[in-house]
Amino acid sequence: MDIQLIVTKDLLREYFRYLFPLDARGRYRIDRSSDLGKAICSFVRYTHTKPEADPQALRLLLPKSDGLKNAPNYYLYFSREDGLRINDLLEVFFHIDFDRFYLKGRKLGMMQKDIIESFIVSRKLTNLLQDNETLKKREYREGLRLLQVRCRSLCKKAYYRHEKIESGMQNILVN
């Protein structure tokens, strides 16, 4: 059961190659043992007319399952919106995977550069090996965002304590 999927970002195309193996005909074998594989299978739509072949699209081979038992009788496709949702899910899975890997590396005392290079190599993201600035910038922005959240939280806490002290002093002076 073949279907086409357009993955919009090069990074996500590379990551897709890591997640799903290729068969002899150049199709990515999707399996339902992974969460992303289940999600991809859930977006499949049926049609009686053959969808146009897109040279930029990844070709997927879907598994036989109860959810797709009618698929052999139809042509399969993803709607444009479903394709965008799958791309979003793929990006979410990538970020979760990277964050977990990065935190494990930091717990082991590894340097940022070493962690990112290890992630790139372990996930076979070979196009990023020379240009790992994308992941460095992402990690920097995430760290900056967390720092801003913590700063706002501390400011709110300090303001709350200050107001409590000031109102307490007013009560003491009035009484």
Protein backbone atom coordinates (compact mmCIF):
# COMPACT_ATOMS: atom_id res chain seq x y z
CA MET A 1 0.00 0.00 0.00
CA ASP A 2 1.90 2.98 -1.35
CA ILE A 3 1.29 6.60 -0.46
CA GLN A 4 3.16 9.87 -0.94
CA LEU A 5 4.12 12.34 1.77
CA ILE A 6 5.66 15.75 1.23
CA VAL A 7 8.07 16.64 4.02
CA THR A 8 8.73 20.35 3.78
CA LYS A 9 11.99 20.83 5.72
CA ASP A 10 15.30 19.21 4.78
CA LEU A 11 16.12 18.54 8.44
CA LEU A 12 12.85 16.67 8.89
CA ARG A 13 13.43 14.67 5.68
CA GLU A 14 16.76 13.53 7.10
CA TYR A 15 15.15 12.69 10.44
CA PHE A 16 12.42 10.73 8.64
CA ARG A 17 15.18 8.62 7.05
CA TYR A 18 16.45 7.84 10.54
CA LEU A 19 13.01 6.82 11.84
CA PHE A 20 11.85 4.58 9.00
CA PRO A 21 13.98 2.18 6.92
CA LEU A 22 13.93 2.07 3.14
CA ASP A 23 12.86 -1.03 1.24
CA ALA A 24 14.43 -2.26 -2.01
CA ARG A 25 12.10 -0.05 -4.10
CA GLY A 26 13.01 3.17 -2.27
CA ARG A 27 9.89 3.37 -0.12
CA TYR A 28 9.95 4.10 3.59
CA ARG A 29 8.48 1.20 5.54
CA ILE A 30 6.08 2.64 8.08
CA ASP A 31 5.27 0.42 11.03
CA ARG A 32 2.70 0.79 13.73
CA SER A 33 5.15 -0.12 16.49
CA SER A 34 6.18 3.55 16.74
CA ASP A 35 3.91 6.39 17.81
CA LEU A 36 4.68 8.39 14.69
CA GLY A 37 3.94 5.36 12.49
CA LYS A 38 0.52 5.03 14.12
CA ALA A 39 -0.14 8.73 13.63
CA ILE A 40 0.83 8.60 9.96
CA CYS A 41 -1.47 5.63 9.37
CA SER A 42 -4.34 7.47 11.04
CA PHE A 43 -4.23 10.30 8.47
CA VAL A 44 -4.63 8.07 5.39
CA ARG A 45 -7.51 8.87 3.06
CA TYR A 46 -8.99 6.78 0.22
CA THR A 47 -9.90 7.74 -3.34
CA HIS A 48 -10.94 5.99 -6.56
CA THR A 49 -8.69 8.17 -8.73
CA LYS A 50 -4.93 7.85 -8.72
CA PRO A 51 -3.22 10.89 -7.15
CA GLU A 52 -0.59 12.68 -9.23
CA ALA A 53 2.96 11.59 -8.58
CA ASP A 54 5.09 14.27 -6.94
CA PRO A 55 8.86 13.89 -7.48
CA GLN A 56 9.59 15.75 -4.24
CA ALA A 57 7.35 13.51 -2.12
CA LEU A 58 8.60 10.62 -0.03
CA ARG A 59 7.08 7.29 -0.98
CA LEU A 60 5.77 5.33 1.98
CA LEU A 61 4.83 1.68 2.32
CA LEU A 62 2.09 1.30 4.89
CA PRO A 63 1.57 -1.85 6.95
CA LYS A 64 -1.43 -4.10 6.73
CA SER A 65 -3.54 -3.41 9.78
CA ASP A 66 -7.16 -3.32 10.91
CA GLY A 67 -7.26 0.45 10.49
CA LEU A 68 -6.22 0.10 6.84
CA LYS A 69 -8.03 -3.10 5.89
CA ASN A 70 -9.96 -1.39 3.05
CA ALA A 71 -6.84 0.28 1.65
CA PRO A 72 -6.01 -2.34 -1.03
CA ASN A 73 -9.30 -1.52 -2.78
CA TYR A 74 -8.44 2.20 -3.19
CA TYR A 75 -5.68 4.64 -3.97
CA LEU A 76 -4.26 6.24 -0.84
CA TYR A 77 -3.39 9.87 -0.22
CA PHE A 78 -2.92 12.52 2.45
CA SER A 79 -4.88 15.73 2.13
CA ARG A 80 -2.82 18.93 2.11
CA GLU A 81 -3.88 19.69 5.69
CA ASP A 82 -3.06 16.16 6.83
CA GLY A 83 0.37 16.46 5.26
CA LEU A 84 0.97 19.66 7.20
CA ARG A 85 -0.20 17.97 10.41
CA ILE A 86 2.18 15.08 9.82
CA ASN A 87 5.00 17.56 9.24
CA ASP A 88 4.12 19.25 12.53
CA LEU A 89 4.10 15.90 14.31
CA LEU A 90 7.43 14.97 12.77
CA GLU A 91 8.89 18.26 13.98
CA VAL A 92 7.50 17.69 17.48
CA PHE A 93 9.01 14.19 17.60
CA PHE A 94 12.34 15.62 16.43
CA HIS A 95 12.35 18.31 19.13
CA ILE A 96 11.43 15.86 21.87
CA ASP A 97 14.12 13.44 20.71
CA PHE A 98 16.74 16.19 20.54
CA ASP A 99 15.80 17.67 23.93
CA ARG A 100 15.99 14.28 25.64
CA PHE A 101 19.34 13.52 24.01
CA TYR A 102 20.69 16.97 24.92
CA LEU A 103 19.62 16.71 28.56
CA LYS A 104 21.17 13.25 28.89
CA GLY A 105 24.42 14.60 27.46
CA ARG A 106 24.42 17.58 29.83
CA LYS A 107 23.82 15.27 32.80
CA LEU A 108 26.93 13.38 31.74
CA GLY A 109 28.88 16.64 31.70
CA MET A 110 29.37 16.75 27.94
CA MET A 111 29.94 19.99 26.06
CA GLN A 112 27.20 21.38 23.80
CA LYS A 113 29.24 20.88 20.63
CA ASP A 114 29.92 17.22 21.46
CA ILE A 115 26.28 16.53 22.27
CA ILE A 116 25.04 18.07 19.04
CA GLU A 117 27.62 16.25 16.92
CA SER A 118 26.75 12.96 18.64
CA PHE A 119 23.06 13.54 17.98
CA ILE A 120 23.70 14.31 14.32
CA VAL A 121 25.83 11.19 13.87
CA SER A 122 23.53 8.88 15.84
CA ARG A 123 20.46 10.03 13.91
CA LYS A 124 22.27 9.89 10.55
CA LEU A 125 21.56 13.56 9.84
CA THR A 126 24.61 13.72 7.58
CA ASN A 127 23.60 16.97 5.87
CA LEU A 128 23.86 18.75 9.23
CA LEU A 129 27.34 17.51 10.07
CA GLN A 130 29.02 20.55 8.50
CA ASP A 131 26.27 22.99 9.51
CA ASN A 132 25.20 22.21 13.05
CA GLU A 133 24.49 25.88 13.79
CA THR A 134 20.76 25.23 13.36
CA LEU A 135 20.67 23.00 16.42
CA LYS A 136 23.00 25.28 18.39
CA LYS A 137 20.75 28.28 17.70
CA ARG A 138 17.68 26.29 18.63
CA GLU A 139 19.22 25.22 21.93
CA TYR A 140 20.35 28.80 22.63
CA ARG A 141 16.87 30.20 21.97
CA GLU A 142 15.28 27.53 24.17
CA GLY A 143 17.71 28.30 27.00
CA LEU A 144 17.04 32.02 26.65
CA ARG A 145 13.28 31.44 26.74
CA LEU A 146 13.59 29.36 29.92
CA LEU A 147 15.76 32.04 31.51
CA GLN A 148 13.11 34.68 30.74
CA VAL A 149 10.38 32.49 32.24
CA ARG A 150 12.42 31.99 35.42
CA CYS A 151 13.18 35.71 35.62
CA ARG A 152 9.48 36.62 35.34
CA SER A 153 8.64 34.07 38.01
CA LEU A 154 11.23 35.47 40.41
CA CYS A 155 10.08 39.04 39.75
CA LYS A 156 6.48 38.07 40.51
CA LYS A 157 7.56 36.31 43.70
CA ALA A 158 9.63 39.32 44.81
CA TYR A 159 6.76 41.70 44.04
CA TYR A 160 4.32 39.52 45.99
CA ARG A 161 6.63 39.42 49.02
CA HIS A 162 7.26 43.16 48.81
CA GLU A 163 3.52 43.89 48.76
CA LYS A 164 2.94 41.56 51.68
CA ILE A 165 5.65 43.26 53.74
CA GLU A 166 4.42 46.75 52.84
CA SER A 167 0.80 45.93 53.67
CA GLY A 168 1.91 44.29 56.94
CA MET A 169 3.84 47.40 57.89
CA GLN A 170 0.79 49.56 57.15
CA ASN A 171 -1.32 47.38 59.46
CA ILE A 172 1.24 47.68 62.26
CA LEU A 173 1.53 51.49 61.89
CA VAL A 174 -2.24 52.02 61.76
CA ASN A 175 -2.98 49.86 64.81
